Amino acid sequence: MRYKLTFVVGLAVGYVLGTRAGRERYEQLRKSARQFSQNPAVRNAAETAVQSGREVAGKALHTVGAKVGDRVPESVAERVRSLRERGPGREDEWGTSNT
């Protein structure tokens, strides 16, 4: 899904940059993209994808942590501890959340 979305976005950007239609066509594409992104089904799918990604990342964190153990540099270990202390469901440092 991610690759298809990236491809579609690339096509849209290429069209906008390469077109001679000008500002009117750009505004039309921008309005369509905004409507698409505000569609409840799209928003719901994005939220589901984010939640799934966080679950997989959490499982990977525990699996890797158990296998690697003390062989991790201290700077990495500190970062992992801070992530564990923060816990799930809180806003990340990018200002995004799963809501």
PDB file of N, CA and C in Angstrom:
ATOM      1  N   MET A   1       0.827  -1.193   0.000  1.00  0.00           N
ATOM      2  CA  MET A   1       0.000   0.000   0.000  1.00  0.00           C
ATOM      3  C   MET A   1       0.869   1.254   0.000  1.00  0.00           C
ATOM      4  N   ARG A   2       1.939   1.234   0.810  1.00  0.00           N
ATOM      5  CA  ARG A   2       2.807   2.400   0.917  1.00  0.00           C
ATOM      6  C   ARG A   2       3.440   2.732  -0.431  1.00  0.00           C
ATOM      7  N   TYR A   3       3.845   1.698  -1.169  1.00  0.00           N
ATOM      8  CA  TYR A   3       4.499   1.932  -2.455  1.00  0.00           C
ATOM      9  C   TYR A   3       3.512   2.470  -3.489  1.00  0.00           C
ATOM     10  N   LYS A   4       2.282   1.986  -3.437  1.00  0.00           N
ATOM     11  CA  LYS A   4       1.272   2.497  -4.360  1.00  0.00           C
ATOM     12  C   LYS A   4       0.981   3.970  -4.078  1.00  0.00           C
ATOM     13  N   LEU A   5       0.861   4.298  -2.797  1.00  0.00           N
ATOM     14  CA  LEU A   5       0.591   5.684  -2.414  1.00  0.00           C
ATOM     15  C   LEU A   5       1.753   6.585  -2.825  1.00  0.00           C
ATOM     16  N   THR A   6       2.973   6.121  -2.594  1.00  0.00           N
ATOM     17  CA  THR A   6       4.151   6.892  -2.989  1.00  0.00           C
ATOM     18  C   THR A   6       4.170   7.100  -4.503  1.00  0.00           C
ATOM     19  N   PHE A   7       3.824   6.084  -5.246  1.00  0.00           N
ATOM     20  CA  PHE A   7       3.788   6.189  -6.701  1.00  0.00           C
ATOM     21  C   PHE A   7       2.752   7.209  -7.150  1.00  0.00           C
ATOM     22  N   VAL A   8       1.553   7.155  -6.563  1.00  0.00           N
ATOM     23  CA  VAL A   8       0.486   8.089  -6.930  1.00  0.00           C
ATOM     24  C   VAL A   8       0.888   9.527  -6.588  1.00  0.00           C
ATOM     25  N   VAL A   9       1.487   9.708  -5.409  1.00  0.00           N
ATOM     26  CA  VAL A   9       1.933  11.045  -5.021  1.00  0.00           C
ATOM     27  C   VAL A   9       3.012  11.534  -5.985  1.00  0.00           C
ATOM     28  N   GLY A  10       3.926  10.648  -6.354  1.00  0.00           N
ATOM     29  CA  GLY A  10       4.967  11.013  -7.321  1.00  0.00           C
ATOM     30  C   GLY A  10       4.384  11.411  -8.666  1.00  0.00           C
ATOM     31  N   LEU A  11       3.387  10.680  -9.113  1.00  0.00           N
ATOM     32  CA  LEU A  11       2.721  11.043 -10.361  1.00  0.00           C
ATOM     33  C   LEU A  11       2.072  12.422 -10.266  1.00  0.00           C
ATOM     34  N   ALA A  12       1.386  12.657  -9.163  1.00  0.00           N
ATOM     35  CA  ALA A  12       0.715  13.947  -8.987  1.00  0.00           C
ATOM     36  C   ALA A  12       1.718  15.093  -8.963  1.00  0.00           C
ATOM     37  N   VAL A  13       2.809  14.917  -8.226  1.00  0.00           N
ATOM     38  CA  VAL A  13       3.831  15.964  -8.157  1.00  0.00           C
ATOM     39  C   VAL A  13       4.464  16.173  -9.525  1.00  0.00           C
ATOM     40  N   GLY A  14       4.765  15.091 -10.221  1.00  0.00           N
ATOM     41  CA  GLY A  14       5.346  15.208 -11.562  1.00  0.00           C
ATOM     42  C   GLY A  14       4.412  15.912 -12.522  1.00  0.00           C
ATOM     43  N   TYR A  15       3.149  15.611 -12.417  1.00  0.00           N
ATOM     44  CA  TYR A  15       2.186  16.263 -13.294  1.00  0.00           C
ATOM     45  C   TYR A  15       2.116  17.759 -13.005  1.00  0.00           C
ATOM     46  N   VAL A  16       2.048  18.090 -11.709  1.00  0.00           N
ATOM     47  CA  VAL A  16       1.950  19.502 -11.328  1.00  0.00           C
ATOM     48  C   VAL A  16       3.182  20.263 -11.801  1.00  0.00           C
ATOM     49  N   LEU A  17       4.358  19.669 -11.593  1.00  0.00           N
ATOM     50  CA  LEU A  17       5.583  20.359 -11.987  1.00  0.00           C
ATOM     51  C   LEU A  17       5.762  20.426 -13.500  1.00  0.00           C
ATOM     52  N   GLY A  18       5.243  19.440 -14.202  1.00  0.00           N
ATOM     53  CA  GLY A  18       5.454  19.383 -15.645  1.00  0.00           C
ATOM     54  C   GLY A  18       4.338  19.968 -16.486  1.00  0.00           C
ATOM     55  N   THR A  19       3.247  20.298 -15.883  1.00  0.00           N
ATOM     56  CA  THR A  19       2.100  20.760 -16.663  1.00  0.00           C
ATOM     57  C   THR A  19       2.231  22.221 -17.078  1.00  0.00           C
ATOM     58  N   ARG A  20       1.545  22.532 -18.106  1.00  0.00           N
ATOM     59  CA  ARG A  20       1.474  23.929 -18.546  1.00  0.00           C
ATOM     60  C   ARG A  20       0.109  24.527 -18.210  1.00  0.00           C
ATOM     61  N   ALA A  21      -0.724  23.728 -17.527  1.00  0.00           N
ATOM     62  CA  ALA A  21      -2.068  24.186 -17.204  1.00  0.00           C
ATOM     63  C   ALA A  21      -2.052  25.292 -16.155  1.00  0.00           C
ATOM     64  N   GLY A  22      -1.007  25.329 -15.349  1.00  0.00           N
ATOM     65  CA  GLY A  22      -0.838  26.427 -14.415  1.00  0.00           C
ATOM     66  C   GLY A  22      -1.544  26.256 -13.095  1.00  0.00           C
ATOM     67  N   ARG A  23      -1.803  27.371 -12.485  1.00  0.00           N
ATOM     68  CA  ARG A  23      -2.308  27.427 -11.121  1.00  0.00           C
ATOM     69  C   ARG A  23      -3.687  26.782 -10.972  1.00  0.00           C
ATOM     70  N   GLU A  24      -4.528  26.937 -11.969  1.00  0.00           N
ATOM     71  CA  GLU A  24      -5.885  26.398 -11.880  1.00  0.00           C
ATOM     72  C   GLU A  24      -5.864  24.874 -11.704  1.00  0.00           C
ATOM     73  N   ARG A  25      -5.077  24.203 -12.499  1.00  0.00           N
ATOM     74  CA  ARG A  25      -4.983  22.744 -12.406  1.00  0.00           C
ATOM     75  C   ARG A  25      -4.336  22.332 -11.074  1.00  0.00           C
ATOM     76  N   TYR A  26      -3.357  23.091 -10.638  1.00  0.00           N
ATOM     77  CA  TYR A  26      -2.714  22.825  -9.353  1.00  0.00           C
ATOM     78  C   TYR A  26      -3.737  22.903  -8.216  1.00  0.00           C
ATOM     79  N   GLU A  27      -4.548  23.940  -8.226  1.00  0.00           N
ATOM     80  CA  GLU A  27      -5.563  24.095  -7.183  1.00  0.00           C
ATOM     81  C   GLU A  27      -6.583  22.959  -7.236  1.00  0.00           C
ATOM     82  N   GLN A  28      -6.911  22.527  -8.436  1.00  0.00           N
ATOM     83  CA  GLN A  28      -7.856  21.429  -8.604  1.00  0.00           C
ATOM     84  C   GLN A  28      -7.284  20.134  -7.999  1.00  0.00           C
ATOM     85  N   LEU A  29      -6.017  19.852  -8.283  1.00  0.00           N
ATOM     86  CA  LEU A  29      -5.366  18.670  -7.717  1.00  0.00           C
ATOM     87  C   LEU A  29      -5.243  18.771  -6.195  1.00  0.00           C
ATOM     88  N   ARG A  30      -4.918  19.949  -5.717  1.00  0.00           N
ATOM     89  CA  ARG A  30      -4.780  20.159  -4.280  1.00  0.00           C
ATOM     90  C   ARG A  30      -6.110  19.927  -3.561  1.00  0.00           C
ATOM     91  N   LYS A  31      -7.188  20.411  -4.153  1.00  0.00           N
ATOM     92  CA  LYS A  31      -8.510  20.218  -3.572  1.00  0.00           C
ATOM     93  C   LYS A  31      -8.874  18.730  -3.552  1.00  0.00           C
ATOM     94  N   SER A  32      -8.562  18.017  -4.616  1.00  0.00           N
ATOM     95  CA  SER A  32      -8.838  16.575  -4.663  1.00  0.00           C
ATOM     96  C   SER A  32      -8.030  15.825  -3.609  1.00  0.00           C
ATOM     97  N   ALA A  33      -6.775  16.194  -3.456  1.00  0.00           N
ATOM     98  CA  ALA A  33      -5.931  15.543  -2.454  1.00  0.00           C
ATOM     99  C   ALA A  33      -6.452  15.813  -1.049  1.00  0.00           C
ATOM    100  N   ARG A  34      -6.896  17.024  -0.792  1.00  0.00           N
ATOM    101  CA  ARG A  34      -7.435  17.378   0.520  1.00  0.00           C
ATOM    102  C   ARG A  34      -8.709  16.581   0.797  1.00  0.00           C
ATOM    103  N   GLN A  35      -9.584  16.489  -0.199  1.00  0.00           N
ATOM    104  CA  GLN A  35     -10.813  15.722  -0.016  1.00  0.00           C
ATOM    105  C   GLN A  35     -10.499  14.249   0.257  1.00  0.00           C
ATOM    106  N   PHE A  36      -9.513  13.721  -0.461  1.00  0.00           N
ATOM    107  CA  PHE A  36      -9.112  12.334  -0.268  1.00  0.00           C
ATOM    108  C   PHE A  36      -8.583  12.118   1.139  1.00  0.00           C
ATOM    109  N   SER A  37      -7.721  13.001   1.600  1.00  0.00           N
ATOM    110  CA  SER A  37      -7.115  12.829   2.921  1.00  0.00           C
ATOM    111  C   SER A  37      -8.116  13.036   4.053  1.00  0.00           C
ATOM    112  N   GLN A  38      -9.194  13.774   3.804  1.00  0.00           N
ATOM    113  CA  GLN A  38     -10.196  14.009   4.833  1.00  0.00           C
ATOM    114  C   GLN A  38     -11.335  12.988   4.793  1.00  0.00           C
ATOM    115  N   ASN A  39     -11.267  12.069   3.857  1.00  0.00           N
ATOM    116  CA  ASN A  39     -12.263  11.017   3.752  1.00  0.00           C
ATOM    117  C   ASN A  39     -12.173  10.142   5.008  1.00  0.00           C
ATOM    118  N   PRO A  40     -13.301   9.892   5.691  1.00  0.00           N
ATOM    119  CA  PRO A  40     -13.263   9.088   6.921  1.00  0.00           C
ATOM    120  C   PRO A  40     -12.663   7.695   6.712  1.00  0.00           C
ATOM    121  N   ALA A  41     -12.918   7.079   5.585  1.00  0.00           N
ATOM    122  CA  ALA A  41     -12.366   5.746   5.335  1.00  0.00           C
ATOM    123  C   ALA A  41     -10.844   5.797   5.230  1.00  0.00           C
ATOM    124  N   VAL A  42     -10.319   6.829   4.593  1.00  0.00           N
ATOM    125  CA  VAL A  42      -8.869   6.988   4.453  1.00  0.00           C
ATOM    126  C   VAL A  42      -8.248   7.274   5.809  1.00  0.00           C
ATOM    127  N   ARG A  43      -8.859   8.144   6.569  1.00  0.00           N
ATOM    128  CA  ARG A  43      -8.337   8.471   7.897  1.00  0.00           C
ATOM    129  C   ARG A  43      -8.346   7.249   8.803  1.00  0.00           C
ATOM    130  N   ASN A  44      -9.414   6.477   8.733  1.00  0.00           N
ATOM    131  CA  ASN A  44      -9.517   5.267   9.541  1.00  0.00           C
ATOM    132  C   ASN A  44      -8.434   4.257   9.140  1.00  0.00           C
ATOM    133  N   ALA A  45      -8.225   4.095   7.843  1.00  0.00           N
ATOM    134  CA  ALA A  45      -7.186   3.175   7.376  1.00  0.00           C
ATOM    135  C   ALA A  45      -5.801   3.637   7.828  1.00  0.00           C
ATOM    136  N   ALA A  46      -5.559   4.932   7.794  1.00  0.00           N
ATOM    137  CA  ALA A  46      -4.273   5.465   8.238  1.00  0.00           C
ATOM    138  C   ALA A  46      -4.074   5.230   9.732  1.00  0.00           C
ATOM    139  N   GLU A  47      -5.105   5.444  10.517  1.00  0.00           N
ATOM    140  CA  GLU A  47      -5.008   5.215  11.958  1.00  0.00           C
ATOM    141  C   GLU A  47      -4.762   3.743  12.262  1.00  0.00           C
ATOM    142  N   THR A  48      -5.426   2.865  11.526  1.00  0.00           N
ATOM    143  CA  THR A  48      -5.223   1.428  11.704  1.00  0.00           C
ATOM    144  C   THR A  48      -3.791   1.049  11.358  1.00  0.00           C
ATOM    145  N   ALA A  49      -3.269   1.609  10.281  1.00  0.00           N
ATOM    146  CA  ALA A  49      -1.891   1.325   9.879  1.00  0.00           C
ATOM    147  C   ALA A  49      -0.897   1.814  10.929  1.00  0.00           C
ATOM    148  N   VAL A  50      -1.139   2.988  11.485  1.00  0.00           N
ATOM    149  CA  VAL A  50      -0.257   3.514  12.528  1.00  0.00           C
ATOM    150  C   VAL A  50      -0.289   2.609  13.748  1.00  0.00           C
ATOM    151  N   GLN A  51      -1.479   2.203  14.157  1.00  0.00           N
ATOM    152  CA  GLN A  51      -1.597   1.338  15.333  1.00  0.00           C
ATOM    153  C   GLN A  51      -0.910   0.002  15.095  1.00  0.00           C
ATOM    154  N   SER A  52      -1.097  -0.575  13.924  1.00  0.00           N
ATOM    155  CA  SER A  52      -0.438  -1.846  13.604  1.00  0.00           C
ATOM    156  C   SER A  52       1.078  -1.686  13.617  1.00  0.00           C
ATOM    157  N   GLY A  53       1.555  -0.596  13.069  1.00  0.00           N
ATOM    158  CA  GLY A  53       2.987  -0.332  13.056  1.00  0.00           C
ATOM    159  C   GLY A  53       3.558  -0.208  14.454  1.00  0.00           C
ATOM    160  N   ARG A  54       2.834   0.449  15.332  1.00  0.00           N
ATOM    161  CA  ARG A  54       3.295   0.583  16.716  1.00  0.00           C
ATOM    162  C   ARG A  54       3.316  -0.766  17.424  1.00  0.00           C
ATOM    163  N   GLU A  55       2.325  -1.605  17.162  1.00  0.00           N
ATOM    164  CA  GLU A  55       2.300  -2.927  17.781  1.00  0.00           C
ATOM    165  C   GLU A  55       3.477  -3.766  17.305  1.00  0.00           C
ATOM    166  N   VAL A  56       3.730  -3.753  16.006  1.00  0.00           N
ATOM    167  CA  VAL A  56       4.848  -4.515  15.455  1.00  0.00           C
ATOM    168  C   VAL A  56       6.169  -3.975  15.994  1.00  0.00           C
ATOM    169  N   ALA A  57       6.302  -2.668  16.069  1.00  0.00           N
ATOM    170  CA  ALA A  57       7.529  -2.070  16.598  1.00  0.00           C
ATOM    171  C   ALA A  57       7.733  -2.448  18.058  1.00  0.00           C
ATOM    172  N   GLY A  58       6.669  -2.488  18.826  1.00  0.00           N
ATOM    173  CA  GLY A  58       6.776  -2.889  20.226  1.00  0.00           C
ATOM    174  C   GLY A  58       7.228  -4.327  20.368  1.00  0.00           C
ATOM    175  N   LYS A  59       6.668  -5.215  19.556  1.00  0.00           N
ATOM    176  CA  LYS A  59       7.080  -6.618  19.597  1.00  0.00           C
ATOM    177  C   LYS A  59       8.543  -6.751  19.179  1.00  0.00           C
ATOM    178  N   ALA A  60       8.929  -6.022  18.143  1.00  0.00           N
ATOM    179  CA  ALA A  60      10.318  -6.076  17.677  1.00  0.00           C
ATOM    180  C   ALA A  60      11.266  -5.546  18.742  1.00  0.00           C
ATOM    181  N   LEU A  61      10.874  -4.515  19.442  1.00  0.00           N
ATOM    182  CA  LEU A  61      11.694  -3.948  20.509  1.00  0.00           C
ATOM    183  C   LEU A  61      11.989  -4.993  21.572  1.00  0.00           C
ATOM    184  N   HIS A  62      10.966  -5.701  22.001  1.00  0.00           N
ATOM    185  CA  HIS A  62      11.162  -6.709  23.038  1.00  0.00           C
ATOM    186  C   HIS A  62      11.986  -7.890  22.526  1.00  0.00           C
ATOM    187  N   THR A  63      11.744  -8.318  21.299  1.00  0.00           N
ATOM    188  CA  THR A  63      12.483  -9.441  20.734  1.00  0.00           C
ATOM    189  C   THR A  63      13.957  -9.096  20.575  1.00  0.00           C
ATOM    190  N   VAL A  64      14.233  -7.952  20.005  1.00  0.00           N
ATOM    191  CA  VAL A  64      15.618  -7.533  19.813  1.00  0.00           C
ATOM    192  C   VAL A  64      16.297  -7.294  21.152  1.00  0.00           C
ATOM    193  N   GLY A  65      15.602  -6.665  22.071  1.00  0.00           N
ATOM    194  CA  GLY A  65      16.162  -6.418  23.395  1.00  0.00           C
ATOM    195  C   GLY A  65      16.544  -7.699  24.104  1.00  0.00           C
ATOM    196  N   ALA A  66      15.715  -8.722  23.972  1.00  0.00           N
ATOM    197  CA  ALA A  66      15.997  -9.995  24.622  1.00  0.00           C
ATOM    198  C   ALA A  66      17.192 -10.696  23.984  1.00  0.00           C
ATOM    199  N   LYS A  67      17.341 -10.566  22.674  1.00  0.00           N
ATOM    200  CA  LYS A  67      18.431 -11.254  21.979  1.00  0.00           C
ATOM    201  C   LYS A  67      19.755 -10.507  22.079  1.00  0.00           C
ATOM    202  N   VAL A  68      19.703  -9.205  22.057  1.00  0.00           N
ATOM    203  CA  VAL A  68      20.937  -8.418  22.039  1.00  0.00           C
ATOM    204  C   VAL A  68      21.504  -8.252  23.436  1.00  0.00           C
ATOM    205  N   GLY A  69      20.646  -7.947  24.394  1.00  0.00           N
ATOM    206  CA  GLY A  69      21.078  -7.850  25.777  1.00  0.00           C
ATOM    207  C   GLY A  69      22.066  -6.730  26.027  1.00  0.00           C
ATOM    208  N   ASP A  70      23.193  -7.079  26.648  1.00  0.00           N
ATOM    209  CA  ASP A  70      24.167  -6.077  27.072  1.00  0.00           C
ATOM    210  C   ASP A  70      25.146  -5.666  25.978  1.00  0.00           C
ATOM    211  N   ARG A  71      25.015  -6.175  24.803  1.00  0.00           N
ATOM    212  CA  ARG A  71      25.952  -5.854  23.729  1.00  0.00           C
ATOM    213  C   ARG A  71      25.630  -4.539  23.030  1.00  0.00           C
ATOM    214  N   VAL A  72      24.645  -3.822  23.513  1.00  0.00           N
ATOM    215  CA  VAL A  72      24.218  -2.561  22.907  1.00  0.00           C
ATOM    216  C   VAL A  72      25.001  -1.398  23.526  1.00  0.00           C
ATOM    217  N   PRO A  73      25.446  -0.437  22.716  1.00  0.00           N
ATOM    218  CA  PRO A  73      26.118   0.737  23.285  1.00  0.00           C
ATOM    219  C   PRO A  73      25.191   1.474  24.262  1.00  0.00           C
ATOM    220  N   GLU A  74      25.776   2.130  25.235  1.00  0.00           N
ATOM    221  CA  GLU A  74      25.000   2.789  26.288  1.00  0.00           C
ATOM    222  C   GLU A  74      24.044   3.845  25.735  1.00  0.00           C
ATOM    223  N   SER A  75      24.458   4.565  24.689  1.00  0.00           N
ATOM    224  CA  SER A  75      23.582   5.601  24.134  1.00  0.00           C
ATOM    225  C   SER A  75      22.292   4.997  23.573  1.00  0.00           C
ATOM    226  N   VAL A  76      22.410   3.856  22.937  1.00  0.00           N
ATOM    227  CA  VAL A  76      21.232   3.178  22.394  1.00  0.00           C
ATOM    228  C   VAL A  76      20.374   2.638  23.541  1.00  0.00           C
ATOM    229  N   ALA A  77      21.023   2.064  24.546  1.00  0.00           N
ATOM    230  CA  ALA A  77      20.287   1.521  25.687  1.00  0.00           C
ATOM    231  C   ALA A  77      19.493   2.621  26.396  1.00  0.00           C
ATOM    232  N   GLU A  78      20.070   3.817  26.513  1.00  0.00           N
ATOM    233  CA  GLU A  78      19.357   4.935  27.137  1.00  0.00           C
ATOM    234  C   GLU A  78      18.124   5.315  26.335  1.00  0.00           C
ATOM    235  N   ARG A  79      18.257   5.334  25.019  1.00  0.00           N
ATOM    236  CA  ARG A  79      17.129   5.685  24.155  1.00  0.00           C
ATOM    237  C   ARG A  79      16.003   4.663  24.292  1.00  0.00           C
ATOM    238  N   VAL A  80      16.368   3.387  24.351  1.00  0.00           N
ATOM    239  CA  VAL A  80      15.365   2.333  24.497  1.00  0.00           C
ATOM    240  C   VAL A  80      14.655   2.465  25.839  1.00  0.00           C
ATOM    241  N   ARG A  81      15.420   2.728  26.901  1.00  0.00           N
ATOM    242  CA  ARG A  81      14.797   2.901  28.222  1.00  0.00           C
ATOM    243  C   ARG A  81      13.816   4.074  28.214  1.00  0.00           C
ATOM    244  N   SER A  82      14.191   5.164  27.549  1.00  0.00           N
ATOM    245  CA  SER A  82      13.290   6.320  27.520  1.00  0.00           C
ATOM    246  C   SER A  82      12.007   6.000  26.757  1.00  0.00           C
ATOM    247  N   LEU A  83      12.119   5.185  25.716  1.00  0.00           N
ATOM    248  CA  LEU A  83      10.924   4.790  24.969  1.00  0.00           C
ATOM    249  C   LEU A  83      10.027   3.895  25.811  1.00  0.00           C
ATOM    250  N   ARG A  84      10.628   2.994  26.568  1.00  0.00           N
ATOM    251  CA  ARG A  84       9.834   2.114  27.422  1.00  0.00           C
ATOM    252  C   ARG A  84       9.131   2.892  28.517  1.00  0.00           C
ATOM    253  N   GLU A  85       9.815   3.874  29.088  1.00  0.00           N
ATOM    254  CA  GLU A  85       9.223   4.681  30.151  1.00  0.00           C
ATOM    255  C   GLU A  85       8.064   5.516  29.648  1.00  0.00           C
ATOM    256  N   ARG A  86       8.176   5.971  28.412  1.00  0.00           N
ATOM    257  CA  ARG A  86       7.116   6.795  27.836  1.00  0.00           C
ATOM    258  C   ARG A  86       5.835   6.004  27.707  1.00  0.00           C
ATOM    259  N   GLY A  87       5.932   4.744  27.329  1.00  0.00           N
ATOM    260  CA  GLY A  87       4.771   3.864  27.246  1.00  0.00           C
ATOM    261  C   GLY A  87       3.942   4.099  25.996  1.00  0.00           C
ATOM    262  N   PRO A  88       3.037   3.167  25.697  1.00  0.00           N
ATOM    263  CA  PRO A  88       2.195   3.278  24.501  1.00  0.00           C
ATOM    264  C   PRO A  88       1.080   4.300  24.680  1.00  0.00           C
ATOM    265  N   GLY A  89       0.604   4.816  23.565  1.00  0.00           N
ATOM    266  CA  GLY A  89      -0.556   5.700  23.575  1.00  0.00           C
ATOM    267  C   GLY A  89      -0.254   7.156  23.823  1.00  0.00           C
ATOM    268  N   ARG A  90       1.000   7.477  24.098  1.00  0.00           N
ATOM    269  CA  ARG A  90       1.356   8.876  24.318  1.00  0.00           C
ATOM    270  C   ARG A  90       1.844   9.476  23.013  1.00  0.00           C
ATOM    271  N   GLU A  91       1.806  10.789  22.959  1.00  0.00           N
ATOM    272  CA  GLU A  91       2.243  11.495  21.761  1.00  0.00           C
ATOM    273  C   GLU A  91       3.745  11.334  21.584  1.00  0.00           C
ATOM    274  N   ASP A  92       4.170  11.099  20.346  1.00  0.00           N
ATOM    275  CA  ASP A  92       5.605  10.962  20.113  1.00  0.00           C
ATOM    276  C   ASP A  92       6.236  12.333  19.885  1.00  0.00           C
ATOM    277  N   GLU A  93       7.550  12.375  19.758  1.00  0.00           N
ATOM    278  CA  GLU A  93       8.237  13.654  19.667  1.00  0.00           C
ATOM    279  C   GLU A  93       8.065  14.348  18.308  1.00  0.00           C
ATOM    280  N   TRP A  94       7.370  13.704  17.387  1.00  0.00           N
ATOM    281  CA  TRP A  94       7.090  14.330  16.097  1.00  0.00           C
ATOM    282  C   TRP A  94       5.775  15.091  16.137  1.00  0.00           C
ATOM    283  N   GLY A  95       5.060  15.009  17.250  1.00  0.00           N
ATOM    284  CA  GLY A  95       3.806  15.732  17.376  1.00  0.00           C
ATOM    285  C   GLY A  95       2.625  15.000  16.787  1.00  0.00           C
ATOM    286  N   THR A  96       2.786  13.703  16.552  1.00  0.00           N
ATOM    287  CA  THR A  96       1.691  12.919  16.008  1.00  0.00           C
ATOM    288  C   THR A  96       1.157  11.973  17.061  1.00  0.00           C
ATOM    289  N   SER A  97      -0.047  11.550  16.858  1.00  0.00           N
ATOM    290  CA  SER A  97      -0.636  10.545  17.752  1.00  0.00           C
ATOM    291  C   SER A  97      -1.543   9.669  16.911  1.00  0.00           C
ATOM    292  N   ASN A  98      -2.087   8.642  17.495  1.00  0.00           N
ATOM    293  CA  ASN A  98      -2.952   7.750  16.735  1.00  0.00           C
ATOM    294  C   ASN A  98      -4.413   8.157  16.793  1.00  0.00           C
ATOM    295  N   THR A  99      -4.684   9.406  17.124  1.00  0.00           N
ATOM    296  CA  THR A  99      -6.075   9.867  17.166  1.00  0.00           C
ATOM    297  C   THR A  99      -6.406  10.643  15.927  1.00  0.00           C
TER     298      THR A  99
END
